[in-house]
Amino acid sequence: ILPYLKGLYALNSGRNSDAVALFRQCENFLKPLLPALPIMHQVLDGNSSYCAIALARLGDLQGAREVASKARTRYRAFGAPRILDRLDRELGPE
């Protein structure tokens, strides 16, 4: 989880390349945990969303939209308007 927190700090500090690397490191750590801890999907969705924002800020909109796709679907299903609004602002509407 530490790479996730460091990624948030990097993203909010404008260090988008560092943020992408940290979010990807976090994803690699979390994916093996998903079968045993399904709640980690929520953390992974947040991780993917913020990674997508960093990618968009680096100019990779297509990559950003691909990374955020699954998270956006779950956010719509569970009702998370704040993060969906932020994704729409940063990546454009889906």
PDB file of N, CA and C in Angstrom:
ATOM      1  N   ILE A   1       0.825  -1.195   0.000  1.00  0.00           N
ATOM      2  CA  ILE A   1       0.000   0.000   0.000  1.00  0.00           C
ATOM      3  C   ILE A   1       0.870   1.260   0.000  1.00  0.00           C
ATOM      4  N   LEU A   2       2.083   1.161   0.493  1.00  0.00           N
ATOM      5  CA  LEU A   2       2.960   2.331   0.529  1.00  0.00           C
ATOM      6  C   LEU A   2       3.195   2.928  -0.860  1.00  0.00           C
ATOM      7  N   PRO A   3       3.398   2.112  -1.911  1.00  0.00           N
ATOM      8  CA  PRO A   3       3.543   2.714  -3.244  1.00  0.00           C
ATOM      9  C   PRO A   3       2.300   3.510  -3.667  1.00  0.00           C
ATOM     10  N   TYR A   4       1.117   3.066  -3.232  1.00  0.00           N
ATOM     11  CA  TYR A   4      -0.120   3.794  -3.539  1.00  0.00           C
ATOM     12  C   TYR A   4      -0.083   5.184  -2.915  1.00  0.00           C
ATOM     13  N   LEU A   5       0.280   5.255  -1.645  1.00  0.00           N
ATOM     14  CA  LEU A   5       0.344   6.547  -0.959  1.00  0.00           C
ATOM     15  C   LEU A   5       1.428   7.437  -1.548  1.00  0.00           C
ATOM     16  N   LYS A   6       2.573   6.848  -1.870  1.00  0.00           N
ATOM     17  CA  LYS A   6       3.642   7.619  -2.515  1.00  0.00           C
ATOM     18  C   LYS A   6       3.200   8.092  -3.898  1.00  0.00           C
ATOM     19  N   GLY A   7       2.425   7.246  -4.601  1.00  0.00           N
ATOM     20  CA  GLY A   7       1.909   7.628  -5.915  1.00  0.00           C
ATOM     21  C   GLY A   7       0.957   8.807  -5.822  1.00  0.00           C
ATOM     22  N   LEU A   8       0.096   8.805  -4.806  1.00  0.00           N
ATOM     23  CA  LEU A   8      -0.809   9.947  -4.597  1.00  0.00           C
ATOM     24  C   LEU A   8      -0.021  11.222  -4.342  1.00  0.00           C
ATOM     25  N   TYR A   9       1.014  11.108  -3.526  1.00  0.00           N
ATOM     26  CA  TYR A   9       1.846  12.281  -3.231  1.00  0.00           C
ATOM     27  C   TYR A   9       2.531  12.781  -4.504  1.00  0.00           C
ATOM     28  N   ALA A  10       3.085  11.846  -5.278  1.00  0.00           N
ATOM     29  CA  ALA A  10       3.744  12.230  -6.531  1.00  0.00           C
ATOM     30  C   ALA A  10       2.753  12.883  -7.492  1.00  0.00           C
ATOM     31  N   LEU A  11       1.562  12.321  -7.608  1.00  0.00           N
ATOM     32  CA  LEU A  11       0.541  12.877  -8.493  1.00  0.00           C
ATOM     33  C   LEU A  11       0.175  14.294  -8.075  1.00  0.00           C
ATOM     34  N   ASN A  12      -0.039  14.484  -6.785  1.00  0.00           N
ATOM     35  CA  ASN A  12      -0.427  15.804  -6.289  1.00  0.00           C
ATOM     36  C   ASN A  12       0.724  16.792  -6.267  1.00  0.00           C
ATOM     37  N   SER A  13       1.957  16.292  -6.432  1.00  0.00           N
ATOM     38  CA  SER A  13       3.133  17.161  -6.508  1.00  0.00           C
ATOM     39  C   SER A  13       3.536  17.454  -7.945  1.00  0.00           C
ATOM     40  N   GLY A  14       2.767  16.914  -8.910  1.00  0.00           N
ATOM     41  CA  GLY A  14       3.062  17.155 -10.315  1.00  0.00           C
ATOM     42  C   GLY A  14       4.134  16.250 -10.898  1.00  0.00           C
ATOM     43  N   ARG A  15       4.535  15.226 -10.165  1.00  0.00           N
ATOM     44  CA  ARG A  15       5.536  14.277 -10.651  1.00  0.00           C
ATOM     45  C   ARG A  15       4.806  13.074 -11.248  1.00  0.00           C
ATOM     46  N   ASN A  16       4.221  13.302 -12.408  1.00  0.00           N
ATOM     47  CA  ASN A  16       3.329  12.315 -13.022  1.00  0.00           C
ATOM     48  C   ASN A  16       4.027  11.033 -13.453  1.00  0.00           C
ATOM     49  N   SER A  17       5.249  11.123 -13.966  1.00  0.00           N
ATOM     50  CA  SER A  17       5.983   9.901 -14.352  1.00  0.00           C
ATOM     51  C   SER A  17       6.270   9.036 -13.135  1.00  0.00           C
ATOM     52  N   ASP A  18       6.684   9.672 -12.046  1.00  0.00           N
ATOM     53  CA  ASP A  18       6.915   8.933 -10.805  1.00  0.00           C
ATOM     54  C   ASP A  18       5.618   8.297 -10.310  1.00  0.00           C
ATOM     55  N   ALA A  19       4.520   9.043 -10.425  1.00  0.00           N
ATOM     56  CA  ALA A  19       3.225   8.541  -9.969  1.00  0.00           C
ATOM     57  C   ALA A  19       2.828   7.290 -10.748  1.00  0.00           C
ATOM     58  N   VAL A  20       2.992   7.310 -12.050  1.00  0.00           N
ATOM     59  CA  VAL A  20       2.650   6.139 -12.870  1.00  0.00           C
ATOM     60  C   VAL A  20       3.470   4.931 -12.428  1.00  0.00           C
ATOM     61  N   ALA A  21       4.772   5.129 -12.239  1.00  0.00           N
ATOM     62  CA  ALA A  21       5.633   4.011 -11.826  1.00  0.00           C
ATOM     63  C   ALA A  21       5.194   3.455 -10.470  1.00  0.00           C
ATOM     64  N   LEU A  22       4.864   4.327  -9.540  1.00  0.00           N
ATOM     65  CA  LEU A  22       4.448   3.887  -8.210  1.00  0.00           C
ATOM     66  C   LEU A  22       3.091   3.195  -8.244  1.00  0.00           C
ATOM     67  N   PHE A  23       2.162   3.721  -9.023  1.00  0.00           N
ATOM     68  CA  PHE A  23       0.852   3.074  -9.129  1.00  0.00           C
ATOM     69  C   PHE A  23       0.968   1.698  -9.786  1.00  0.00           C
ATOM     70  N   ARG A  24       1.852   1.563 -10.748  1.00  0.00           N
ATOM     71  CA  ARG A  24       2.053   0.247 -11.381  1.00  0.00           C
ATOM     72  C   ARG A  24       2.713  -0.733 -10.413  1.00  0.00           C
ATOM     73  N   GLN A  25       3.623  -0.229  -9.596  1.00  0.00           N
ATOM     74  CA  GLN A  25       4.235  -1.069  -8.567  1.00  0.00           C
ATOM     75  C   GLN A  25       3.172  -1.559  -7.583  1.00  0.00           C
ATOM     76  N   CYS A  26       2.277  -0.668  -7.194  1.00  0.00           N
ATOM     77  CA  CYS A  26       1.189  -1.029  -6.293  1.00  0.00           C
ATOM     78  C   CYS A  26       0.281  -2.077  -6.935  1.00  0.00           C
ATOM     79  N   GLU A  27      -0.040  -1.891  -8.204  1.00  0.00           N
ATOM     80  CA  GLU A  27      -0.893  -2.857  -8.916  1.00  0.00           C
ATOM     81  C   GLU A  27      -0.260  -4.250  -8.919  1.00  0.00           C
ATOM     82  N   ASN A  28       1.039  -4.303  -9.179  1.00  0.00           N
ATOM     83  CA  ASN A  28       1.733  -5.593  -9.190  1.00  0.00           C
ATOM     84  C   ASN A  28       1.706  -6.267  -7.822  1.00  0.00           C
ATOM     85  N   PHE A  29       1.695  -5.472  -6.771  1.00  0.00           N
ATOM     86  CA  PHE A  29       1.619  -6.019  -5.422  1.00  0.00           C
ATOM     87  C   PHE A  29       0.207  -6.505  -5.092  1.00  0.00           C
ATOM     88  N   LEU A  30      -0.806  -5.750  -5.537  1.00  0.00           N
ATOM     89  CA  LEU A  30      -2.185  -6.055  -5.157  1.00  0.00           C
ATOM     90  C   LEU A  30      -2.825  -7.197  -5.949  1.00  0.00           C
ATOM     91  N   LYS A  31      -2.501  -7.334  -7.203  1.00  0.00           N
ATOM     92  CA  LYS A  31      -3.180  -8.329  -8.044  1.00  0.00           C
ATOM     93  C   LYS A  31      -3.145  -9.749  -7.469  1.00  0.00           C
ATOM     94  N   PRO A  32      -2.022 -10.218  -6.933  1.00  0.00           N
ATOM     95  CA  PRO A  32      -2.040 -11.575  -6.369  1.00  0.00           C
ATOM     96  C   PRO A  32      -2.943 -11.707  -5.136  1.00  0.00           C
ATOM     97  N   LEU A  33      -3.260 -10.599  -4.485  1.00  0.00           N
ATOM     98  CA  LEU A  33      -4.098 -10.642  -3.281  1.00  0.00           C
ATOM     99  C   LEU A  33      -5.594 -10.704  -3.597  1.00  0.00           C
ATOM    100  N   LEU A  34      -5.986 -10.386  -4.802  1.00  0.00           N
ATOM    101  CA  LEU A  34      -7.403 -10.283  -5.140  1.00  0.00           C
ATOM    102  C   LEU A  34      -8.221 -11.543  -4.889  1.00  0.00           C
ATOM    103  N   PRO A  35      -7.733 -12.740  -5.212  1.00  0.00           N
ATOM    104  CA  PRO A  35      -8.561 -13.924  -4.943  1.00  0.00           C
ATOM    105  C   PRO A  35      -8.884 -14.119  -3.456  1.00  0.00           C
ATOM    106  N   ALA A  36      -7.955 -13.775  -2.586  1.00  0.00           N
ATOM    107  CA  ALA A  36      -8.169 -13.976  -1.147  1.00  0.00           C
ATOM    108  C   ALA A  36      -8.853 -12.779  -0.485  1.00  0.00           C
ATOM    109  N   LEU A  37      -8.685 -11.599  -1.067  1.00  0.00           N
ATOM    110  CA  LEU A  37      -9.225 -10.375  -0.474  1.00  0.00           C
ATOM    111  C   LEU A  37      -9.964  -9.555  -1.530  1.00  0.00           C
ATOM    112  N   PRO A  38     -11.192  -9.924  -1.848  1.00  0.00           N
ATOM    113  CA  PRO A  38     -11.933  -9.225  -2.902  1.00  0.00           C
ATOM    114  C   PRO A  38     -12.098  -7.723  -2.643  1.00  0.00           C
ATOM    115  N   ILE A  39     -12.073  -7.306  -1.383  1.00  0.00           N
ATOM    116  CA  ILE A  39     -12.212  -5.880  -1.069  1.00  0.00           C
ATOM    117  C   ILE A  39     -11.071  -5.064  -1.670  1.00  0.00           C
ATOM    118  N   MET A  40      -9.969  -5.722  -1.978  1.00  0.00           N
ATOM    119  CA  MET A  40      -8.827  -5.022  -2.562  1.00  0.00           C
ATOM    120  C   MET A  40      -9.135  -4.498  -3.966  1.00  0.00           C
ATOM    121  N   HIS A  41     -10.235  -4.970  -4.567  1.00  0.00           N
ATOM    122  CA  HIS A  41     -10.648  -4.410  -5.862  1.00  0.00           C
ATOM    123  C   HIS A  41     -10.887  -2.907  -5.735  1.00  0.00           C
ATOM    124  N   GLN A  42     -11.421  -2.481  -4.605  1.00  0.00           N
ATOM    125  CA  GLN A  42     -11.672  -1.054  -4.419  1.00  0.00           C
ATOM    126  C   GLN A  42     -10.372  -0.269  -4.376  1.00  0.00           C
ATOM    127  N   VAL A  43      -9.378  -0.799  -3.683  1.00  0.00           N
ATOM    128  CA  VAL A  43      -8.076  -0.133  -3.641  1.00  0.00           C
ATOM    129  C   VAL A  43      -7.462  -0.129  -5.039  1.00  0.00           C
ATOM    130  N   LEU A  44      -7.575  -1.250  -5.733  1.00  0.00           N
ATOM    131  CA  LEU A  44      -7.028  -1.344  -7.081  1.00  0.00           C
ATOM    132  C   LEU A  44      -7.753  -0.395  -8.040  1.00  0.00           C
ATOM    133  N   ASP A  45      -9.049  -0.211  -7.859  1.00  0.00           N
ATOM    134  CA  ASP A  45      -9.786   0.748  -8.688  1.00  0.00           C
ATOM    135  C   ASP A  45      -9.282   2.169  -8.456  1.00  0.00           C
ATOM    136  N   GLY A  46      -9.064   2.524  -7.206  1.00  0.00           N
ATOM    137  CA  GLY A  46      -8.510   3.842  -6.909  1.00  0.00           C
ATOM    138  C   GLY A  46      -7.128   3.990  -7.504  1.00  0.00           C
ATOM    139  N   ASN A  47      -6.318   2.963  -7.354  1.00  0.00           N
ATOM    140  CA  ASN A  47      -4.973   2.962  -7.909  1.00  0.00           C
ATOM    141  C   ASN A  47      -5.024   3.162  -9.434  1.00  0.00           C
ATOM    142  N   SER A  48      -5.902   2.409 -10.094  1.00  0.00           N
ATOM    143  CA  SER A  48      -6.029   2.519 -11.563  1.00  0.00           C
ATOM    144  C   SER A  48      -6.507   3.904 -11.977  1.00  0.00           C
ATOM    145  N   SER A  49      -7.436   4.449 -11.222  1.00  0.00           N
ATOM    146  CA  SER A  49      -7.973   5.773 -11.553  1.00  0.00           C
ATOM    147  C   SER A  49      -6.902   6.846 -11.465  1.00  0.00           C
ATOM    148  N   TYR A  50      -6.136   6.824 -10.393  1.00  0.00           N
ATOM    149  CA  TYR A  50      -5.096   7.840 -10.236  1.00  0.00           C
ATOM    150  C   TYR A  50      -3.947   7.617 -11.204  1.00  0.00           C
ATOM    151  N   CYS A  51      -3.656   6.362 -11.540  1.00  0.00           N
ATOM    152  CA  CYS A  51      -2.659   6.083 -12.565  1.00  0.00           C
ATOM    153  C   CYS A  51      -3.128   6.648 -13.906  1.00  0.00           C
ATOM    154  N   ALA A  52      -4.408   6.488 -14.208  1.00  0.00           N
ATOM    155  CA  ALA A  52      -4.973   7.022 -15.452  1.00  0.00           C
ATOM    156  C   ALA A  52      -4.867   8.544 -15.496  1.00  0.00           C
ATOM    157  N   ILE A  53      -5.118   9.190 -14.377  1.00  0.00           N
ATOM    158  CA  ILE A  53      -4.996  10.652 -14.329  1.00  0.00           C
ATOM    159  C   ILE A  53      -3.554  11.065 -14.613  1.00  0.00           C
ATOM    160  N   ALA A  54      -2.598  10.366 -14.014  1.00  0.00           N
ATOM    161  CA  ALA A  54      -1.184  10.674 -14.266  1.00  0.00           C
ATOM    162  C   ALA A  54      -0.834  10.453 -15.738  1.00  0.00           C
ATOM    163  N   LEU A  55      -1.320   9.357 -16.314  1.00  0.00           N
ATOM    164  CA  LEU A  55      -1.063   9.091 -17.732  1.00  0.00           C
ATOM    165  C   LEU A  55      -1.662  10.186 -18.616  1.00  0.00           C
ATOM    166  N   ALA A  56      -2.875  10.615 -18.297  1.00  0.00           N
ATOM    167  CA  ALA A  56      -3.513  11.679 -19.078  1.00  0.00           C
ATOM    168  C   ALA A  56      -2.699  12.962 -19.005  1.00  0.00           C
ATOM    169  N   ARG A  57      -2.195  13.270 -17.835  1.00  0.00           N
ATOM    170  CA  ARG A  57      -1.377  14.479 -17.679  1.00  0.00           C
ATOM    171  C   ARG A  57      -0.068  14.385 -18.437  1.00  0.00           C
ATOM    172  N   LEU A  58       0.388  13.159 -18.689  1.00  0.00           N
ATOM    173  CA  LEU A  58       1.594  12.951 -19.488  1.00  0.00           C
ATOM    174  C   LEU A  58       1.294  12.929 -20.989  1.00  0.00           C
ATOM    175  N   GLY A  59       0.005  13.023 -21.343  1.00  0.00           N
ATOM    176  CA  GLY A  59      -0.388  13.076 -22.745  1.00  0.00           C
ATOM    177  C   GLY A  59      -0.836  11.749 -23.332  1.00  0.00           C
ATOM    178  N   ASP A  60      -0.901  10.698 -22.537  1.00  0.00           N
ATOM    179  CA  ASP A  60      -1.307   9.380 -23.027  1.00  0.00           C
ATOM    180  C   ASP A  60      -2.787   9.147 -22.704  1.00  0.00           C
ATOM    181  N   LEU A  61      -3.668   9.845 -23.423  1.00  0.00           N
ATOM    182  CA  LEU A  61      -5.102   9.725 -23.149  1.00  0.00           C
ATOM    183  C   LEU A  61      -5.650   8.338 -23.445  1.00  0.00           C
ATOM    184  N   GLN A  62      -5.188   7.721 -24.520  1.00  0.00           N
ATOM    185  CA  GLN A  62      -5.677   6.380 -24.859  1.00  0.00           C
ATOM    186  C   GLN A  62      -5.289   5.385 -23.774  1.00  0.00           C
ATOM    187  N   GLY A  63      -4.039   5.415 -23.343  1.00  0.00           N
ATOM    188  CA  GLY A  63      -3.595   4.537 -22.266  1.00  0.00           C
ATOM    189  C   GLY A  63      -4.340   4.815 -20.979  1.00  0.00           C
ATOM    190  N   ALA A  64      -4.597   6.092 -20.713  1.00  0.00           N
ATOM    191  CA  ALA A  64      -5.324   6.479 -19.502  1.00  0.00           C
ATOM    192  C   ALA A  64      -6.741   5.924 -19.518  1.00  0.00           C
ATOM    193  N   ARG A  65      -7.391   6.016 -20.651  1.00  0.00           N
ATOM    194  CA  ARG A  65      -8.771   5.508 -20.749  1.00  0.00           C
ATOM    195  C   ARG A  65      -8.818   3.990 -20.590  1.00  0.00           C
ATOM    196  N   GLU A  66      -7.816   3.302 -21.124  1.00  0.00           N
ATOM    197  CA  GLU A  66      -7.769   1.837 -20.972  1.00  0.00           C
ATOM    198  C   GLU A  66      -7.567   1.447 -19.510  1.00  0.00           C
ATOM    199  N   VAL A  67      -6.676   2.148 -18.828  1.00  0.00           N
ATOM    200  CA  VAL A  67      -6.386   1.841 -17.423  1.00  0.00           C
ATOM    201  C   VAL A  67      -7.617   2.091 -16.555  1.00  0.00           C
ATOM    202  N   ALA A  68      -8.360   3.146 -16.856  1.00  0.00           N
ATOM    203  CA  ALA A  68      -9.508   3.535 -16.020  1.00  0.00           C
ATOM    204  C   ALA A  68     -10.800   2.811 -16.372  1.00  0.00           C
ATOM    205  N   SER A  69     -10.833   2.077 -17.451  1.00  0.00           N
ATOM    206  CA  SER A  69     -12.076   1.494 -17.953  1.00  0.00           C
ATOM    207  C   SER A  69     -12.806   0.623 -16.931  1.00  0.00           C
ATOM    208  N   LYS A  70     -12.132  -0.365 -16.356  1.00  0.00           N
ATOM    209  CA  LYS A  70     -12.786  -1.270 -15.398  1.00  0.00           C
ATOM    210  C   LYS A  70     -13.212  -0.523 -14.134  1.00  0.00           C
ATOM    211  N   ALA A  71     -12.356   0.378 -13.684  1.00  0.00           N
ATOM    212  CA  ALA A  71     -12.687   1.136 -12.472  1.00  0.00           C
ATOM    213  C   ALA A  71     -13.926   1.993 -12.701  1.00  0.00           C
ATOM    214  N   ARG A  72     -14.010   2.634 -13.854  1.00  0.00           N
ATOM    215  CA  ARG A  72     -15.185   3.467 -14.149  1.00  0.00           C
ATOM    216  C   ARG A  72     -16.471   2.646 -14.119  1.00  0.00           C
ATOM    217  N   THR A  73     -16.401   1.430 -14.664  1.00  0.00           N
ATOM    218  CA  THR A  73     -17.578   0.558 -14.667  1.00  0.00           C
ATOM    219  C   THR A  73     -18.019   0.253 -13.243  1.00  0.00           C
ATOM    220  N   ARG A  74     -17.094  -0.101 -12.374  1.00  0.00           N
ATOM    221  CA  ARG A  74     -17.443  -0.401 -10.983  1.00  0.00           C
ATOM    222  C   ARG A  74     -17.903   0.851 -10.247  1.00  0.00           C
ATOM    223  N   TYR A  75     -17.266   1.979 -10.519  1.00  0.00           N
ATOM    224  CA  TYR A  75     -17.689   3.231  -9.861  1.00  0.00           C
ATOM    225  C   TYR A  75     -19.124   3.587 -10.232  1.00  0.00           C
ATOM    226  N   ARG A  76     -19.496   3.364 -11.488  1.00  0.00           N
ATOM    227  CA  ARG A  76     -20.880   3.637 -11.895  1.00  0.00           C
ATOM    228  C   ARG A  76     -21.842   2.693 -11.172  1.00  0.00           C
ATOM    229  N   ALA A  77     -21.471   1.416 -11.087  1.00  0.00           N
ATOM    230  CA  ALA A  77     -22.335   0.426 -10.453  1.00  0.00           C
ATOM    231  C   ALA A  77     -22.539   0.717  -8.961  1.00  0.00           C
ATOM    232  N   PHE A  78     -21.496   1.171  -8.294  1.00  0.00           N
ATOM    233  CA  PHE A  78     -21.582   1.397  -6.853  1.00  0.00           C
ATOM    234  C   PHE A  78     -21.893   2.842  -6.495  1.00  0.00           C
ATOM    235  N   GLY A  79     -21.923   3.721  -7.477  1.00  0.00           N
ATOM    236  CA  GLY A  79     -22.264   5.117  -7.235  1.00  0.00           C
ATOM    237  C   GLY A  79     -21.139   5.881  -6.561  1.00  0.00           C
ATOM    238  N   ALA A  80     -20.192   6.330  -7.343  1.00  0.00           N
ATOM    239  CA  ALA A  80     -19.066   7.117  -6.833  1.00  0.00           C
ATOM    240  C   ALA A  80     -18.902   8.356  -7.713  1.00  0.00           C
ATOM    241  N   PRO A  81     -19.812   9.322  -7.574  1.00  0.00           N
ATOM    242  CA  PRO A  81     -19.817  10.461  -8.492  1.00  0.00           C
ATOM    243  C   PRO A  81     -18.573  11.345  -8.421  1.00  0.00           C
ATOM    244  N   ARG A  82     -17.946  11.467  -7.262  1.00  0.00           N
ATOM    245  CA  ARG A  82     -16.796  12.378  -7.160  1.00  0.00           C
ATOM    246  C   ARG A  82     -15.621  11.900  -8.008  1.00  0.00           C
ATOM    247  N   ILE A  83     -15.276  10.617  -7.896  1.00  0.00           N
ATOM    248  CA  ILE A  83     -14.153  10.117  -8.682  1.00  0.00           C
ATOM    249  C   ILE A  83     -14.522  10.046 -10.162  1.00  0.00           C
ATOM    250  N   LEU A  84     -15.781   9.735 -10.479  1.00  0.00           N
ATOM    251  CA  LEU A  84     -16.201   9.731 -11.885  1.00  0.00           C
ATOM    252  C   LEU A  84     -16.107  11.128 -12.482  1.00  0.00           C
ATOM    253  N   ASP A  85     -16.499  12.144 -11.720  1.00  0.00           N
ATOM    254  CA  ASP A  85     -16.371  13.526 -12.193  1.00  0.00           C
ATOM    255  C   ASP A  85     -14.911  13.888 -12.433  1.00  0.00           C
ATOM    256  N   ARG A  86     -14.049  13.470 -11.510  1.00  0.00           N
ATOM    257  CA  ARG A  86     -12.627  13.788 -11.673  1.00  0.00           C
ATOM    258  C   ARG A  86     -12.057  13.084 -12.899  1.00  0.00           C
ATOM    259  N   LEU A  87     -12.421  11.834 -13.098  1.00  0.00           N
ATOM    260  CA  LEU A  87     -11.946  11.119 -14.280  1.00  0.00           C
ATOM    261  C   LEU A  87     -12.448  11.791 -15.561  1.00  0.00           C
ATOM    262  N   ASP A  88     -13.707  12.220 -15.554  1.00  0.00           N
ATOM    263  CA  ASP A  88     -14.245  12.917 -16.723  1.00  0.00           C
ATOM    264  C   ASP A  88     -13.496  14.226 -17.006  1.00  0.00           C
ATOM    265  N   ARG A  89     -13.157  14.943 -15.956  1.00  0.00           N
ATOM    266  CA  ARG A  89     -12.409  16.202 -16.123  1.00  0.00           C
ATOM    267  C   ARG A  89     -11.021  15.959 -16.669  1.00  0.00           C
ATOM    268  N   GLU A  90     -10.364  14.933 -16.167  1.00  0.00           N
ATOM    269  CA  GLU A  90      -8.964  14.683 -16.549  1.00  0.00           C
ATOM    270  C   GLU A  90      -8.826  13.909 -17.853  1.00  0.00           C
ATOM    271  N   LEU A  91      -9.741  12.943 -18.100  1.00  0.00           N
ATOM    272  CA  LEU A  91      -9.628  12.067 -19.262  1.00  0.00           C
ATOM    273  C   LEU A  91     -10.648  12.382 -20.343  1.00  0.00           C
ATOM    274  N   GLY A  92     -11.633  13.184 -20.011  1.00  0.00           N
ATOM    275  CA  GLY A  92     -12.735  13.420 -20.920  1.00  0.00           C
ATOM    276  C   GLY A  92     -13.809  12.369 -20.667  1.00  0.00           C
ATOM    277  N   PRO A  93     -15.032  12.665 -21.029  1.00  0.00           N
ATOM    278  CA  PRO A  93     -16.114  11.688 -20.804  1.00  0.00           C
ATOM    279  C   PRO A  93     -15.892  10.423 -21.614  1.00  0.00           C
ATOM    280  N   GLU A  94     -16.400   9.342 -21.084  1.00  0.00           N
ATOM    281  CA  GLU A  94     -16.245   8.052 -21.750  1.00  0.00           C
ATOM    282  C   GLU A  94     -17.195   7.928 -22.914  1.00  0.00           C
TER     283      GLU A  94
END
